[in-house]
């Protein structure tokens, strides 16, 4: 598997990264088998977070004996220095290691700086001097915050969404990271599963030699597919470009990326899923979303109190309440037709 230098960190990593959100949903036996297969195939970069329930523990279970051969990126959404320190210590314990390669602020609503009252950056800098972390990083869904962090010179890497439905400004951000020699972790390559042509997604991202896509993998078949693309990378031929153009026509602009900034919702609407329901019904196994549970979830849209939190906090400037109504109508229509 091709190895590249991860920006100014100087770390040598596989050009394909492993996103460890989905392994929470399978058994320990399954996750261990998948993680070992990934390692044996040459994947050396693993991205997780303190908030991904058992994800860190599963990595520690499966890969602790090859720790020196892999690069671990994890994150904390802590709001205070004490909580940040606690999260770091928890991560070290779960991952069965005494250092984290890349420790990231998990989608903060501001860029942490040194010598500020909040003390967040200084907390990680202290941990770095103690040898507990090697590089300080940040993940973001807001392009403005991502740019600010990269321009600040304080962050060694950046995690940001990129896919073949990203807008021109988001694509341009890859160039800024390359210019600044900032390692770029590309999340949401398949937009939470809504993009179903993995071959087209892989070929598109292969154009950016400074981007390490972190593919969210839950099944061995998904891993084998990515390994196969890595062995024989496809170029963007006419058929793949047509598939990308079709996705852009359907999804770009008003598409919810499921970042979760809209939460919590006082009406308990599962916004990141509900605001994509029409696409889930069209692109995935529709009966899974026509259950009594999902019928109730979509009904909650009627309980919206118009507090404005979701719309104000959407980094993609989506009109979330209107989007929810649109997807509620699509769900109601299909539910009626299926009965």
Protein backbone atom coordinates (compact mmCIF):
# COMPACT_ATOMS: atom_id res chain seq x y z
CA UNK A 1 0.00 0.00 0.00
CA UNK A 2 1.27 3.45 -0.91
CA UNK A 3 2.83 5.39 1.96
CA UNK A 4 3.02 9.19 2.11
CA UNK A 5 4.36 11.86 4.46
CA UNK A 6 1.61 13.35 6.60
CA UNK A 7 2.32 17.05 6.16
CA UNK A 8 4.70 18.76 8.54
CA UNK A 9 4.34 15.99 11.12
CA UNK A 10 6.83 14.00 9.07
CA UNK A 11 4.89 10.84 9.92
CA UNK A 12 4.86 8.20 7.22
CA UNK A 13 1.31 6.88 6.82
CA UNK A 14 -0.76 4.87 4.39
CA UNK A 15 -2.51 7.00 1.80
CA UNK A 16 -5.72 5.28 2.87
CA UNK A 17 -6.90 5.83 6.45
CA UNK A 18 -9.33 3.82 8.57
CA UNK A 19 -12.26 5.68 10.13
CA UNK A 20 -13.28 3.96 13.36
CA UNK A 21 -16.79 5.28 14.00
CA UNK A 22 -18.60 2.25 12.49
CA UNK A 23 -16.72 -0.42 14.45
CA UNK A 24 -18.75 0.57 17.53
CA UNK A 25 -21.73 -1.16 15.95
CA UNK A 26 -20.26 -4.64 15.57
CA UNK A 27 -18.94 -7.28 17.96
CA UNK A 28 -15.45 -7.13 19.43
CA UNK A 29 -14.59 -10.29 17.51
CA UNK A 30 -15.68 -8.71 14.22
CA UNK A 31 -13.93 -5.40 14.88
CA UNK A 32 -10.70 -7.16 15.85
CA UNK A 33 -10.75 -9.22 12.65
CA UNK A 34 -11.40 -6.14 10.50
CA UNK A 35 -8.74 -4.02 12.21
CA UNK A 36 -6.14 -6.80 11.94
CA UNK A 37 -6.95 -7.28 8.27
CA UNK A 38 -6.61 -3.53 7.72
CA UNK A 39 -3.22 -3.52 9.41
CA UNK A 40 -2.03 -6.58 7.49
CA UNK A 41 -3.09 -4.92 4.24
CA UNK A 42 -0.83 -1.94 4.99
CA UNK A 43 -3.25 0.59 6.49
CA UNK A 44 -1.32 2.40 9.21
CA UNK A 45 -3.52 5.42 10.10
CA UNK A 46 -6.55 4.98 12.39
CA UNK A 47 -8.90 7.82 13.33
CA UNK A 48 -11.18 7.64 16.35
CA UNK A 49 -12.47 9.82 19.21
CA UNK A 50 -13.12 9.76 22.93
CA UNK A 51 -16.80 10.21 22.15
CA UNK A 52 -17.08 7.16 19.88
CA UNK A 53 -18.13 4.88 22.77
CA UNK A 54 -16.06 1.66 22.47
CA UNK A 55 -14.08 2.61 19.36
CA UNK A 56 -10.81 3.45 21.14
CA UNK A 57 -11.00 0.31 23.26
CA UNK A 58 -11.49 -1.82 20.16
CA UNK A 59 -8.38 -0.35 18.54
CA UNK A 60 -6.42 -1.01 21.72
CA UNK A 61 -7.70 -4.57 21.84
CA UNK A 62 -6.88 -5.33 18.21
CA UNK A 63 -3.67 -3.40 17.59
CA UNK A 64 -1.85 -2.81 20.89
CA UNK A 65 0.88 -5.28 19.95
CA UNK A 66 1.72 -3.34 16.76
CA UNK A 67 1.35 0.12 18.32
CA UNK A 68 4.75 1.36 17.13
CA UNK A 69 3.85 0.56 13.54
CA UNK A 70 0.64 2.59 13.37
CA UNK A 71 -0.47 6.22 13.68
CA UNK A 72 -3.43 6.88 15.96
CA UNK A 73 -5.50 10.05 15.67
CA UNK A 74 -8.12 10.65 18.34
CA UNK A 75 -10.23 13.59 19.50
CA UNK A 76 -11.90 15.24 22.45
CA UNK A 77 -14.97 17.45 22.51
CA UNK A 78 -14.13 18.63 26.04
CA UNK A 79 -15.31 22.07 27.13
CA UNK A 80 -12.81 22.69 29.97
CA UNK A 81 -9.11 21.99 30.54
CA UNK A 82 -9.89 19.50 33.32
CA UNK A 83 -12.30 17.60 31.07
CA UNK A 84 -9.76 17.69 28.24
CA UNK A 85 -7.09 16.17 30.47
CA UNK A 86 -9.53 13.50 31.63
CA UNK A 87 -10.41 12.62 28.04
CA UNK A 88 -6.75 12.34 27.09
CA UNK A 89 -6.03 10.01 29.99
CA UNK A 90 -9.09 7.91 29.10
CA UNK A 91 -7.89 7.66 25.51
CA UNK A 92 -4.43 6.54 26.56
CA UNK A 93 -5.94 3.83 28.75
CA UNK A 94 -8.43 2.56 26.19
CA UNK A 95 -5.92 2.59 23.35
CA UNK A 96 -3.37 0.78 25.54
CA UNK A 97 -0.62 3.25 24.74
CA UNK A 98 1.42 5.90 26.49
CA UNK A 99 1.19 8.45 23.67
CA UNK A 100 -1.25 9.66 21.01
CA UNK A 101 0.22 10.55 17.63
CA UNK A 102 -2.36 13.20 16.69
CA UNK A 103 -4.73 14.59 19.33
CA UNK A 104 -7.54 16.74 17.95
CA UNK A 105 -10.01 19.24 19.30
CA UNK A 106 -13.29 17.65 18.18
CA UNK A 107 -15.33 20.17 16.12
CA UNK A 108 -14.95 23.09 18.58
CA UNK A 109 -17.03 26.23 18.00
CA UNK A 110 -13.88 28.39 18.17
CA UNK A 111 -10.20 27.96 17.33
CA UNK A 112 -8.21 27.45 20.56
CA UNK A 113 -5.13 29.67 20.87
CA UNK A 114 -2.27 29.74 23.41
CA UNK A 115 -2.40 32.04 26.41
CA UNK A 116 -6.17 32.50 26.28
CA UNK A 117 -8.56 32.44 29.20
CA UNK A 118 -10.14 29.16 28.14
CA UNK A 119 -6.77 27.38 28.58
CA UNK A 120 -7.60 24.63 26.10
CA UNK A 121 -4.62 24.94 23.76
CA UNK A 122 -2.21 25.33 26.66
CA UNK A 123 -3.56 22.08 28.15
CA UNK A 124 -2.64 20.14 25.01
CA UNK A 125 0.70 21.92 24.75
CA UNK A 126 1.52 20.79 28.29
CA UNK A 127 0.53 17.22 27.40
CA UNK A 128 2.78 17.47 24.37
CA UNK A 129 5.78 18.49 26.50
CA UNK A 130 4.99 15.50 28.74
CA UNK A 131 5.21 13.17 25.75
CA UNK A 132 1.55 12.16 25.93
CA UNK A 133 0.74 13.55 22.50
CA UNK A 134 2.99 14.16 19.53
CA UNK A 135 0.97 16.59 17.41
CA UNK A 136 -1.90 19.00 18.08
CA UNK A 137 -4.77 19.08 15.64
CA UNK A 138 -8.40 19.99 15.12
CA UNK A 139 -11.44 18.65 13.31
CA UNK A 140 -14.01 21.03 11.87
CA UNK A 141 -17.13 21.19 9.76
CA UNK A 142 -17.00 24.98 9.47
CA UNK A 143 -14.77 26.10 6.60
CA UNK A 144 -14.13 29.46 8.29
CA UNK A 145 -12.84 27.76 11.45
CA UNK A 146 -10.77 25.28 9.44
CA UNK A 147 -9.13 28.10 7.48
CA UNK A 148 -8.44 30.07 10.66
CA UNK A 149 -6.80 27.07 12.30
CA UNK A 150 -4.60 26.34 9.29
CA UNK A 151 -3.61 30.00 8.88
CA UNK A 152 -2.75 30.25 12.59
CA UNK A 153 0.22 27.92 12.22
CA UNK A 154 -0.69 26.28 15.55
CA UNK A 155 -2.07 23.04 14.18
CA UNK A 156 -0.08 20.25 12.59
CA UNK A 157 -3.01 18.58 10.85
CA UNK A 158 -6.63 19.35 10.03
CA UNK A 159 -9.63 17.05 9.68
CA UNK A 160 -12.31 18.38 7.35
CA UNK A 161 -15.05 16.91 5.12
CA UNK A 162 -14.22 16.31 1.47
CA UNK A 163 -16.09 14.34 -1.14
CA UNK A 164 -17.08 14.60 -4.76
CA UNK A 165 -20.06 16.77 -3.83
CA UNK A 166 -17.90 19.30 -1.95
CA UNK A 167 -18.28 22.85 -3.21
CA UNK A 168 -15.44 24.76 -4.95
CA UNK A 169 -14.45 26.62 -1.76
CA UNK A 170 -14.08 23.33 0.10
CA UNK A 171 -12.01 21.87 -2.72
CA UNK A 172 -9.83 24.99 -2.70
CA UNK A 173 -9.14 24.38 1.01
CA UNK A 174 -7.07 21.31 0.06
CA UNK A 175 -4.67 23.66 -1.73
CA UNK A 176 -4.30 25.88 1.35
CA UNK A 177 -3.41 22.85 3.47
CA UNK A 178 -0.86 21.73 0.89
CA UNK A 179 0.65 25.22 0.70
CA UNK A 180 1.00 25.32 4.51
CA UNK A 181 2.19 21.69 4.65
CA UNK A 182 -0.66 20.79 7.00
CA UNK A 183 -1.65 17.13 7.05
CA UNK A 184 -5.22 16.79 5.76
CA UNK A 185 -7.51 14.06 7.13
CA UNK A 186 -10.46 13.82 4.76
CA UNK A 187 -13.67 12.81 6.52
CA UNK A 188 -17.14 12.14 5.09
CA UNK A 189 -15.75 10.70 1.86
CA UNK A 190 -19.08 8.88 1.40
CA UNK A 191 -21.13 11.49 3.28
CA UNK A 192 -22.30 9.10 5.94
CA UNK A 193 -23.24 6.41 3.44
CA UNK A 194 -25.37 8.54 1.12
CA UNK A 195 -22.74 8.38 -1.62
CA UNK A 196 -22.94 4.77 -2.73
CA UNK A 197 -20.39 4.66 -5.56
CA UNK A 198 -17.21 4.04 -3.57
CA UNK A 199 -15.17 3.58 -6.74
CA UNK A 200 -16.08 7.06 -7.96
CA UNK A 201 -15.47 8.53 -4.49
CA UNK A 202 -12.04 6.87 -4.30
CA UNK A 203 -11.02 8.02 -7.78
CA UNK A 204 -12.11 11.59 -7.04
CA UNK A 205 -10.13 11.82 -3.80
CA UNK A 206 -7.08 10.22 -5.41
CA UNK A 207 -6.57 13.50 -7.26
CA UNK A 208 -5.43 15.18 -4.04
CA UNK A 209 -2.03 13.84 -3.06
CA UNK A 210 -2.05 15.63 0.31
CA UNK A 211 -5.42 14.24 1.47
CA UNK A 212 -5.66 11.08 3.59
CA UNK A 213 -9.27 9.87 3.29
CA UNK A 214 -10.50 8.12 6.42
CA UNK A 215 -12.99 5.53 5.21
CA UNK A 216 -15.62 4.53 7.75
CA UNK A 217 -15.58 0.74 7.69
CA UNK A 218 -18.03 -1.62 9.37
CA UNK A 219 -17.87 -4.78 7.25
CA UNK A 220 -15.02 -6.91 5.95
CA UNK A 221 -16.46 -6.57 2.44
CA UNK A 222 -16.20 -2.78 2.69
CA UNK A 223 -12.58 -3.06 3.77
CA UNK A 224 -11.73 -5.47 0.94
CA UNK A 225 -13.29 -3.07 -1.55
CA UNK A 226 -11.11 -0.19 -0.35
CA UNK A 227 -8.02 -2.43 -0.34
CA UNK A 228 -8.77 -3.42 -3.95
CA UNK A 229 -9.07 0.24 -5.00
CA UNK A 230 -5.81 1.00 -3.22
CA UNK A 231 -4.03 -1.79 -5.11
CA UNK A 232 -5.41 -0.63 -8.46
CA UNK A 233 -6.49 3.01 -8.18
CA UNK A 234 -9.01 4.05 -10.81
CA UNK A 235 -8.74 7.27 -12.76
CA UNK A 236 -11.72 9.49 -13.37
CA UNK A 237 -12.94 8.07 -16.66
CA UNK A 238 -16.15 9.10 -18.40
CA UNK A 239 -18.38 6.63 -16.55
CA UNK A 240 -17.10 7.60 -13.08
CA UNK A 241 -17.37 11.30 -13.90
CA UNK A 242 -20.97 10.75 -15.00
CA UNK A 243 -21.74 9.06 -11.67
CA UNK A 244 -20.16 12.00 -9.83
CA UNK A 245 -22.14 14.50 -11.92
CA UNK A 246 -25.36 12.66 -11.08
CA UNK A 247 -24.57 12.75 -7.35
CA UNK A 248 -23.79 16.44 -7.52
CA UNK A 249 -27.04 17.17 -9.34
CA UNK A 250 -29.08 15.32 -6.72
CA UNK A 251 -27.22 16.12 -3.52
CA UNK A 252 -25.14 19.28 -3.74
CA UNK A 253 -26.37 22.44 -2.06
CA UNK A 254 -29.25 21.32 0.16
CA UNK A 255 -27.66 18.10 1.34
CA UNK A 256 -27.23 17.51 5.09
CA UNK A 257 -23.72 16.16 5.84
CA UNK A 258 -24.80 14.78 9.25
CA UNK A 259 -22.17 16.74 11.19
CA UNK A 260 -24.43 17.01 14.26
CA UNK A 261 -23.90 20.72 14.95
CA UNK A 262 -27.70 21.07 14.96
CA UNK A 263 -28.04 18.95 18.08
CA UNK A 264 -29.37 18.75 20.73
CA UNK A 265 -32.91 19.30 19.49
CA UNK A 266 -35.46 20.20 22.19
CA UNK A 267 -38.13 18.29 20.26
CA UNK A 268 -35.84 15.24 20.15
CA UNK A 269 -35.83 15.16 16.35
CA UNK A 270 -32.89 13.06 15.09
CA UNK A 271 -32.01 15.83 12.68
CA UNK A 272 -28.87 14.41 10.98
CA UNK A 273 -30.85 11.38 9.79
CA UNK A 274 -34.28 13.00 9.40
CA UNK A 275 -32.87 15.80 7.24
CA UNK A 276 -31.53 13.21 4.78
CA UNK A 277 -34.49 10.83 4.81
CA UNK A 278 -35.45 11.18 1.14
CA UNK A 279 -31.93 10.18 0.12
CA UNK A 280 -31.81 7.33 2.62
CA UNK A 281 -35.05 5.95 1.21
CA UNK A 282 -33.79 6.22 -2.38
CA UNK A 283 -30.23 5.01 -1.86
CA UNK A 284 -30.43 2.49 0.95
CA UNK A 285 -32.81 -0.28 2.06
CA UNK A 286 -36.04 1.70 2.45
CA UNK A 287 -37.90 -0.73 4.80
CA UNK A 288 -35.31 -0.01 7.48
CA UNK A 289 -36.72 3.53 7.65
CA UNK A 290 -40.41 2.67 7.47
CA UNK A 291 -40.54 1.06 10.90
CA UNK A 292 -42.76 2.31 13.76
CA UNK A 293 -39.63 3.76 15.40
CA UNK A 294 -38.72 5.83 12.36
CA UNK A 295 -42.33 6.80 11.77
CA UNK A 296 -42.34 8.28 15.28
CA UNK A 297 -38.96 9.95 14.71
CA UNK A 298 -40.26 11.68 11.59
CA UNK A 299 -43.54 12.63 13.29
CA UNK A 300 -41.54 14.60 15.85
CA UNK A 301 -40.82 17.14 13.13
CA UNK A 302 -44.38 18.38 13.82
CA UNK A 303 -43.23 19.15 17.39
CA UNK A 304 -40.60 21.65 16.21
CA UNK A 305 -40.77 24.79 18.39
CA UNK A 306 -38.84 26.94 15.89
CA UNK A 307 -36.11 27.70 18.42
CA UNK A 308 -33.68 28.38 15.58
CA UNK A 309 -30.80 26.39 17.11
CA UNK A 310 -30.39 23.99 14.18
CA UNK A 311 -30.47 26.67 11.51
CA UNK A 312 -28.13 28.99 13.40
CA UNK A 313 -25.57 26.26 14.01
CA UNK A 314 -25.51 24.60 10.59
CA UNK A 315 -22.02 25.21 9.13
CA UNK A 316 -23.47 24.69 5.64
CA UNK A 317 -26.08 27.45 6.07
CA UNK A 318 -28.98 25.07 5.42
CA UNK A 319 -32.55 26.02 6.25
CA UNK A 320 -32.89 22.97 8.51
CA UNK A 321 -36.59 23.35 9.49
CA UNK A 322 -37.63 23.57 5.83
CA UNK A 323 -35.34 20.68 4.95
CA UNK A 324 -36.94 18.54 7.66
CA UNK A 325 -40.42 19.24 6.29
CA UNK A 326 -39.30 18.26 2.80
CA UNK A 327 -37.90 14.94 3.97
CA UNK A 328 -40.88 14.32 6.25
CA UNK A 329 -43.16 14.63 3.23
CA UNK A 330 -41.06 12.12 1.28
CA UNK A 331 -41.16 9.67 4.18
CA UNK A 332 -44.92 10.06 4.63
CA UNK A 333 -45.54 9.48 0.94
CA UNK A 334 -43.54 6.27 0.79
CA UNK A 335 -45.00 5.04 4.06
CA UNK A 336 -48.52 5.54 2.68
CA UNK A 337 -47.64 3.79 -0.57
CA UNK A 338 -46.17 0.80 1.29
CA UNK A 339 -49.30 0.23 3.41
